[in-house]
Amino acid sequence: MAKKRNKIQVNKGFKDFSLDLKDGNIYGAIYFIGSEELLIDWAISSVVSRYINEAVLEIDMVKIDLDNATFDFVLSVCEMPAMLSEKKVVVIKNYGGEFGDNFISYLETISEDVVVIITTNSLNDKLVNAVSDDKAYQMETIDRPELKNFIKKRLKGFNKKIDNVNISLLIDESHYYDKDSDYKLYNFENDLMKIAYLSEDVLVDENSIKDGLSYTLEKSIFAIFDSLNASNKKKALDTYKDLILAGEDNFKILGSLVYQLELMYQIKELSNAGYNLNDINERLKNYNFVQIKIANKNVRNMEINHIAELLYYAFDIDALVKSGKIDADVAIELLIMQY
């Protein structure tokens, strides 16, 4: 009778990663497992800050495109010494076994002069066994005390505070701990920004929390534009696809994107004319102050001509959708890629 294999477990989390990085124990192959993209992105950024000379960031830090890369290419990237940095950093996100067993074997013998970061949503036994000195970390739902600290720190960045009663309300209303919830820390981060804008006082109140968590489409539209302004079109597309999976109508999504671009254009026009945010709020009665504040942040570093081009493009695409000449799903993806 065959002996039953013990199930591989990963007991380390993001706190353990922080300690390992602080102690200089991050080297060779590193493996992040989980769906908390914010924690994963934070961890990658921490490694880059620790080991990469900013002057040669684009040379000594390489993100592997799994759609086009081969194992030989990855090998050549990893074997090429860092130019001016302490270590080379290579990032392979959402790995799905594309490079086969040769890649696994290579990870087991990789030099300490390079940090290869691999991420997957679910645990891969071969990767756990291959990574350097037990350097596999779960990046999943954080516990309640950690989440409370996360909330307080983010709100502090907006010069806001929250008491214990309302922080418990916020956590419960977010459904972050629901078993089948897709609500992650990036969602929380976006909602905290909205809650901060809604709260007129320094201390966040119950109404601001409930209003800030109330409407998925509006929050997602804000998130799409935040991603686009951070030059992350993939994340914007992912947010759009999440809306479709949640049952949102793509005609309504397209209308909301056009609506937001109209607001962005009006705000930029008024801002260029010398109006401050309160003056703009007084003039744009069809929008609430939260929408205006968020849109104002989005257009701060944009030229009005570019916003106008995007808006006219959106109008043209919207007309094509309404006339049946193009599918709404294709139209939205084209608009996002045009940004």
Protein backbone atom coordinates (compact mmCIF):
# COMPACT_ATOMS: atom_id res chain seq x y z
CA MET A 1 0.00 0.00 0.00
CA ALA A 2 1.39 3.39 -1.01
CA LYS A 3 2.38 5.67 1.83
CA LYS A 4 0.15 8.74 2.11
CA ARG A 5 2.04 11.97 1.40
CA ASN A 6 1.94 14.66 4.05
CA LYS A 7 0.24 17.81 2.87
CA ILE A 8 2.73 20.64 2.42
CA GLN A 9 1.97 23.65 4.58
CA VAL A 10 3.31 27.18 4.56
CA ASN A 11 3.28 28.72 8.02
CA LYS A 12 5.03 32.00 7.28
CA GLY A 13 3.15 35.22 6.49
CA PHE A 14 3.89 38.83 5.66
CA LYS A 15 5.16 39.57 9.19
CA ASP A 16 7.72 36.78 8.85
CA PHE A 17 8.73 38.18 5.48
CA SER A 18 9.29 41.61 7.06
CA LEU A 19 11.57 40.10 9.70
CA ASP A 20 13.50 38.06 7.13
CA LEU A 21 14.01 41.14 4.96
CA LYS A 22 15.12 43.22 7.94
CA ASP A 23 17.64 40.53 8.90
CA GLY A 24 19.01 40.31 5.34
CA ASN A 25 17.65 36.81 4.81
CA ILE A 26 15.83 37.47 1.54
CA TYR A 27 17.88 35.97 -1.30
CA GLY A 28 17.63 33.34 -4.01
CA ALA A 29 14.10 32.11 -4.79
CA ILE A 30 11.20 33.67 -2.84
CA TYR A 31 7.62 32.45 -3.11
CA PHE A 32 4.44 34.43 -2.29
CA ILE A 33 1.14 32.52 -2.17
CA GLY A 34 -2.26 34.15 -1.97
CA SER A 35 -4.77 36.58 -3.38
CA GLU A 36 -3.92 39.67 -1.32
CA GLU A 37 -2.29 41.62 -4.13
CA LEU A 38 -1.67 44.64 -1.92
CA LEU A 39 0.50 42.60 0.45
CA ILE A 40 2.33 40.99 -2.47
CA ASP A 41 2.95 44.33 -4.19
CA TRP A 42 4.12 45.82 -0.88
CA ALA A 43 6.53 42.90 -0.35
CA ILE A 44 7.95 43.21 -3.87
CA SER A 45 8.37 46.95 -3.43
CA SER A 46 10.16 46.33 -0.12
CA VAL A 47 12.63 43.94 -1.76
CA VAL A 48 13.29 46.42 -4.56
CA SER A 49 13.84 49.26 -2.06
CA ARG A 50 16.20 47.07 -0.01
CA TYR A 51 18.42 45.79 -2.82
CA ILE A 52 18.04 47.91 -5.97
CA ASN A 53 19.94 51.10 -6.77
CA GLU A 54 17.27 53.45 -8.07
CA ALA A 55 19.62 54.79 -10.75
CA VAL A 56 19.56 51.37 -12.47
CA LEU A 57 16.06 50.25 -11.50
CA GLU A 58 15.04 49.40 -15.07
CA ILE A 59 18.14 47.24 -15.54
CA ASP A 60 18.54 45.47 -12.19
CA MET A 61 14.83 44.83 -11.57
CA VAL A 62 13.10 42.74 -14.25
CA LYS A 63 9.42 41.78 -14.47
CA ILE A 64 8.91 38.63 -16.54
CA ASP A 65 6.09 38.66 -19.09
CA LEU A 66 4.75 35.11 -18.95
CA ASP A 67 2.97 35.48 -22.30
CA ASN A 68 6.26 35.89 -24.16
CA ALA A 69 9.11 34.63 -21.96
CA THR A 70 10.87 31.27 -22.24
CA PHE A 71 12.85 29.40 -19.60
CA ASP A 72 16.10 30.21 -21.45
CA PHE A 73 15.23 33.91 -21.33
CA VAL A 74 14.47 33.76 -17.60
CA LEU A 75 17.73 31.88 -17.03
CA SER A 76 19.73 34.52 -18.92
CA VAL A 77 18.07 37.33 -16.94
CA CYS A 78 18.79 35.66 -13.59
CA GLU A 79 22.39 34.83 -14.50
CA MET A 80 23.22 38.36 -15.62
CA PRO A 81 24.88 40.13 -12.63
CA ALA A 82 23.37 43.26 -11.14
CA MET A 83 24.93 46.39 -12.56
CA LEU A 84 25.10 48.75 -9.55
CA SER A 85 22.70 47.14 -7.10
CA GLU A 86 23.33 44.84 -4.15
CA LYS A 87 21.24 42.10 -5.79
CA LYS A 88 19.37 41.52 -9.03
CA VAL A 89 15.58 41.26 -8.55
CA VAL A 90 13.43 39.22 -10.95
CA VAL A 91 9.64 39.15 -10.53
CA ILE A 92 7.39 36.40 -11.95
CA LYS A 93 3.77 37.10 -11.00
CA ASN A 94 0.91 34.60 -11.33
CA TYR A 95 3.20 31.74 -12.34
CA GLY A 96 1.33 28.77 -13.80
CA GLY A 97 4.10 26.24 -14.47
CA GLU A 98 5.06 27.72 -17.83
CA PHE A 99 8.77 26.81 -17.52
CA GLY A 100 8.39 23.19 -16.35
CA ASP A 101 10.68 21.13 -14.13
CA ASN A 102 13.84 22.77 -15.48
CA PHE A 103 12.76 25.99 -13.77
CA ILE A 104 12.06 24.19 -10.48
CA SER A 105 15.50 22.56 -10.58
CA TYR A 106 17.13 25.91 -11.29
CA LEU A 107 15.42 27.57 -8.31
CA GLU A 108 16.95 24.96 -6.01
CA THR A 109 20.48 26.03 -6.97
CA ILE A 110 20.03 29.73 -7.63
CA SER A 111 22.71 32.21 -6.56
CA GLU A 112 22.25 34.39 -3.49
CA ASP A 113 23.20 37.39 -5.66
CA VAL A 114 19.73 37.39 -7.19
CA VAL A 115 16.21 37.48 -5.71
CA VAL A 116 13.65 35.68 -7.87
CA ILE A 117 10.13 36.40 -6.62
CA ILE A 118 7.41 34.01 -7.78
CA THR A 119 3.72 34.53 -6.97
CA THR A 120 0.71 32.24 -7.33
CA ASN A 121 -2.88 32.42 -6.07
CA SER A 122 -2.88 28.84 -4.79
CA LEU A 123 -0.09 26.79 -3.27
CA ASN A 124 2.29 24.95 -5.61
CA ASP A 125 4.07 22.09 -3.81
CA LYS A 126 7.04 22.06 -6.19
CA LEU A 127 7.69 25.76 -5.67
CA VAL A 128 7.47 25.43 -1.89
CA ASN A 129 10.11 22.69 -1.99
CA ALA A 130 12.33 24.61 -4.42
CA VAL A 131 12.58 28.03 -2.77
CA SER A 132 15.61 29.07 -0.77
CA ASP A 133 15.71 28.21 2.96
CA ASP A 134 11.98 28.01 3.59
CA LYS A 135 11.25 31.33 1.89
CA ALA A 136 7.58 30.71 1.11
CA TYR A 137 5.05 33.18 2.52
CA GLN A 138 1.25 33.17 2.67
CA MET A 139 -0.19 36.52 1.54
CA GLU A 140 -3.82 36.03 2.47
CA THR A 141 -6.47 37.70 4.64
CA ILE A 142 -4.87 39.56 7.54
CA ASP A 143 -6.21 39.17 11.06
CA ARG A 144 -8.48 41.70 12.76
CA PRO A 145 -5.83 43.58 14.80
CA GLU A 146 -3.67 43.91 11.66
CA LEU A 147 -6.67 45.13 9.66
CA LYS A 148 -7.46 47.72 12.33
CA ASN A 149 -3.90 49.04 12.11
CA PHE A 150 -4.16 49.09 8.30
CA ILE A 151 -7.37 51.16 8.49
CA LYS A 152 -5.97 53.61 11.03
CA LYS A 153 -2.76 54.16 9.05
CA ARG A 154 -4.61 54.75 5.78
CA LEU A 155 -7.06 57.17 7.39
CA LYS A 156 -4.20 58.97 9.11
CA GLY A 157 -2.82 59.67 5.64
CA PHE A 158 -6.02 61.64 4.97
CA ASN A 159 -5.75 63.38 8.40
CA LYS A 160 -8.68 61.33 9.69
CA LYS A 161 -9.24 59.22 12.80
CA ILE A 162 -11.72 56.48 13.69
CA ASP A 163 -12.98 55.23 17.06
CA ASN A 164 -13.31 51.58 18.12
CA VAL A 165 -17.07 51.41 17.56
CA ASN A 166 -16.88 52.68 13.99
CA ILE A 167 -13.81 50.68 13.07
CA SER A 168 -15.72 47.53 14.03
CA LEU A 169 -18.71 48.74 12.01
CA LEU A 170 -16.46 49.41 9.01
CA ILE A 171 -14.89 45.95 9.14
CA ASP A 172 -18.25 44.21 9.50
CA GLU A 173 -19.91 46.27 6.74
CA SER A 174 -17.02 45.63 4.33
CA HIS A 175 -17.57 41.82 4.51
CA TYR A 176 -13.79 41.42 4.32
CA TYR A 177 -13.96 38.24 6.41
CA ASP A 178 -16.87 36.63 4.55
CA LYS A 179 -15.87 33.15 3.38
CA ASP A 180 -16.52 33.73 -0.34
CA SER A 181 -15.73 37.45 -0.38
CA ASP A 182 -13.66 38.94 -3.21
CA TYR A 183 -13.23 42.11 -1.17
CA LYS A 184 -9.48 42.55 -0.66
CA LEU A 185 -7.16 45.14 0.83
CA TYR A 186 -6.99 47.10 -2.42
CA ASN A 187 -10.79 47.38 -2.27
CA PHE A 188 -10.48 48.52 1.32
CA GLU A 189 -7.87 51.10 0.36
CA ASN A 190 -10.15 52.59 -2.31
CA ASP A 191 -13.11 52.68 0.08
CA LEU A 192 -11.09 54.32 2.83
CA MET A 193 -10.19 57.11 0.42
CA LYS A 194 -13.87 57.67 -0.31
CA ILE A 195 -14.85 57.49 3.38
CA ALA A 196 -12.18 60.07 4.21
CA TYR A 197 -13.55 62.42 1.55
CA LEU A 198 -17.10 61.93 2.80
CA SER A 199 -16.21 62.63 6.42
CA GLU A 200 -16.42 66.36 7.11
CA ASP A 201 -14.88 66.03 10.58
CA VAL A 202 -11.52 64.61 11.59
CA LEU A 203 -13.30 61.71 13.28
CA VAL A 204 -14.94 59.37 10.74
CA ASP A 205 -18.65 58.85 11.46
CA GLU A 206 -21.16 56.06 10.77
CA ASN A 207 -22.83 57.82 7.82
CA SER A 208 -19.51 58.31 6.02
CA ILE A 209 -18.75 54.63 6.45
CA LYS A 210 -22.09 53.43 5.13
CA ASP A 211 -22.06 55.87 2.22
CA GLY A 212 -18.45 55.01 1.39
CA LEU A 213 -19.17 51.29 1.22
CA SER A 214 -22.56 51.53 -0.43
CA TYR A 215 -22.18 51.48 -4.20
CA THR A 216 -19.98 48.96 -5.98
CA LEU A 217 -20.15 50.46 -9.47
CA GLU A 218 -19.11 53.96 -8.42
CA LYS A 219 -16.28 52.61 -6.25
CA SER A 220 -15.08 50.42 -9.10
CA ILE A 221 -15.14 53.33 -11.57
CA PHE A 222 -12.97 55.31 -9.13
CA ALA A 223 -10.65 52.30 -8.87
CA ILE A 224 -10.40 51.99 -12.68
CA PHE A 225 -9.29 55.61 -13.03
CA ASP A 226 -6.88 55.29 -10.09
CA SER A 227 -5.26 52.32 -11.85
CA LEU A 228 -5.11 54.15 -15.19
CA ASN A 229 -3.48 57.18 -13.59
CA ALA A 230 -0.93 54.82 -12.04
CA SER A 231 -0.22 53.46 -15.57
CA ASN A 232 -1.67 50.08 -14.62
CA LYS A 233 -4.05 49.23 -17.45
CA LYS A 234 -4.06 45.55 -16.53
CA LYS A 235 -5.42 46.33 -13.08
CA ALA A 236 -8.04 48.64 -14.62
CA LEU A 237 -9.14 45.85 -16.96
CA ASP A 238 -9.25 43.40 -14.06
CA THR A 239 -11.52 45.77 -12.12
CA TYR A 240 -13.80 46.04 -15.13
CA LYS A 241 -13.93 42.24 -15.51
CA ASP A 242 -14.75 41.92 -11.80
CA LEU A 243 -17.72 44.21 -12.36
CA ILE A 244 -18.98 42.00 -15.19
CA LEU A 245 -18.54 38.88 -13.05
CA ALA A 246 -20.55 40.61 -10.32
CA GLY A 247 -23.42 41.02 -12.81
CA GLU A 248 -23.02 44.71 -13.62
CA ASP A 249 -24.34 45.80 -17.04
CA ASN A 250 -21.56 46.83 -19.44
CA PHE A 251 -23.71 49.57 -20.99
CA LYS A 252 -24.03 51.09 -17.53
CA ILE A 253 -20.28 50.74 -16.95
CA LEU A 254 -19.50 52.50 -20.23
CA GLY A 255 -21.91 55.30 -19.34
CA SER A 256 -20.22 55.71 -15.95
CA LEU A 257 -16.77 55.90 -17.56
CA VAL A 258 -17.97 58.59 -19.99
CA TYR A 259 -19.65 60.42 -17.10
CA GLN A 260 -16.39 60.42 -15.12
CA LEU A 261 -14.39 61.68 -18.11
CA GLU A 262 -16.89 64.52 -18.58
CA LEU A 263 -16.38 65.49 -14.95
CA MET A 264 -12.60 65.29 -15.28
CA TYR A 265 -12.66 67.60 -18.31
CA GLN A 266 -14.88 70.17 -16.58
CA ILE A 267 -12.70 70.15 -13.45
CA LYS A 268 -9.48 70.59 -15.44
CA GLU A 269 -11.03 73.43 -17.44
CA LEU A 270 -12.18 75.25 -14.30
CA SER A 271 -8.90 74.56 -12.50
CA ASN A 272 -6.92 76.03 -15.42
CA ALA A 273 -9.17 79.09 -15.20
CA GLY A 274 -8.10 79.62 -11.59
CA TYR A 275 -11.00 78.12 -9.65
CA ASN A 276 -10.22 76.27 -6.41
CA LEU A 277 -11.88 73.02 -5.35
CA ASN A 278 -14.66 74.69 -3.33
CA ASP A 279 -15.47 77.04 -6.23
CA ILE A 280 -15.61 74.07 -8.61
CA ASN A 281 -17.95 72.25 -6.23
CA GLU A 282 -20.26 75.29 -6.23
CA ARG A 283 -20.37 75.41 -10.02
CA LEU A 284 -20.79 71.68 -10.73
CA LYS A 285 -24.12 71.04 -9.01
CA ASN A 286 -24.75 67.76 -10.87
CA TYR A 287 -21.89 66.04 -9.03
CA ASN A 288 -21.27 65.38 -5.35
CA PHE A 289 -18.16 66.64 -3.57
CA VAL A 290 -16.63 63.15 -3.30
CA GLN A 291 -16.79 62.67 -7.07
CA ILE A 292 -15.26 66.10 -7.59
CA LYS A 293 -12.42 65.52 -5.12
CA ILE A 294 -11.49 62.16 -6.60
CA ALA A 295 -11.71 63.40 -10.20
CA ASN A 296 -9.62 66.43 -9.27
CA LYS A 297 -6.90 64.13 -7.94
CA ASN A 298 -6.99 62.14 -11.20
CA VAL A 299 -6.55 65.17 -13.47
CA ARG A 300 -3.88 66.92 -11.42
CA ASN A 301 -1.02 65.71 -13.63
CA MET A 302 -2.97 65.49 -16.90
CA GLU A 303 -3.06 67.97 -19.77
CA ILE A 304 -6.51 69.23 -20.72
CA ASN A 305 -5.90 68.38 -24.38
CA HIS A 306 -5.32 64.74 -23.47
CA ILE A 307 -8.50 64.63 -21.37
CA ALA A 308 -10.40 66.17 -24.29
CA GLU A 309 -9.04 63.55 -26.68
CA LEU A 310 -10.11 60.77 -24.30
CA LEU A 311 -13.56 62.30 -23.89
CA TYR A 312 -14.14 62.65 -27.66
CA TYR A 313 -12.91 59.08 -28.12
CA ALA A 314 -15.36 57.96 -25.43
CA PHE A 315 -18.21 59.84 -27.13
CA ASP A 316 -17.39 58.20 -30.48
CA ILE A 317 -17.22 54.71 -28.97
CA ASP A 318 -20.44 55.26 -27.02
CA ALA A 319 -22.19 56.27 -30.25
CA LEU A 320 -20.90 53.16 -32.02
CA VAL A 321 -22.20 50.96 -29.19
CA LYS A 322 -25.63 52.61 -29.23
CA SER A 323 -25.85 52.14 -33.00
CA GLY A 324 -24.95 48.47 -32.68
CA LYS A 325 -21.72 48.77 -34.66
CA ILE A 326 -19.47 47.64 -31.82
CA ASP A 327 -19.90 45.47 -28.73
CA ALA A 328 -19.96 47.33 -25.38
CA ASP A 329 -17.39 44.97 -23.88
CA VAL A 330 -14.93 45.65 -26.72
CA ALA A 331 -15.65 49.38 -26.46
CA ILE A 332 -14.78 49.52 -22.76
CA GLU A 333 -11.54 47.62 -23.26
CA LEU A 334 -10.59 49.94 -26.15
CA LEU A 335 -11.32 52.99 -24.00
CA ILE A 336 -9.17 51.69 -21.17
CA MET A 337 -6.30 50.89 -23.54
CA GLN A 338 -6.60 54.34 -25.15
CA TYR A 339 -6.08 56.11 -21.81
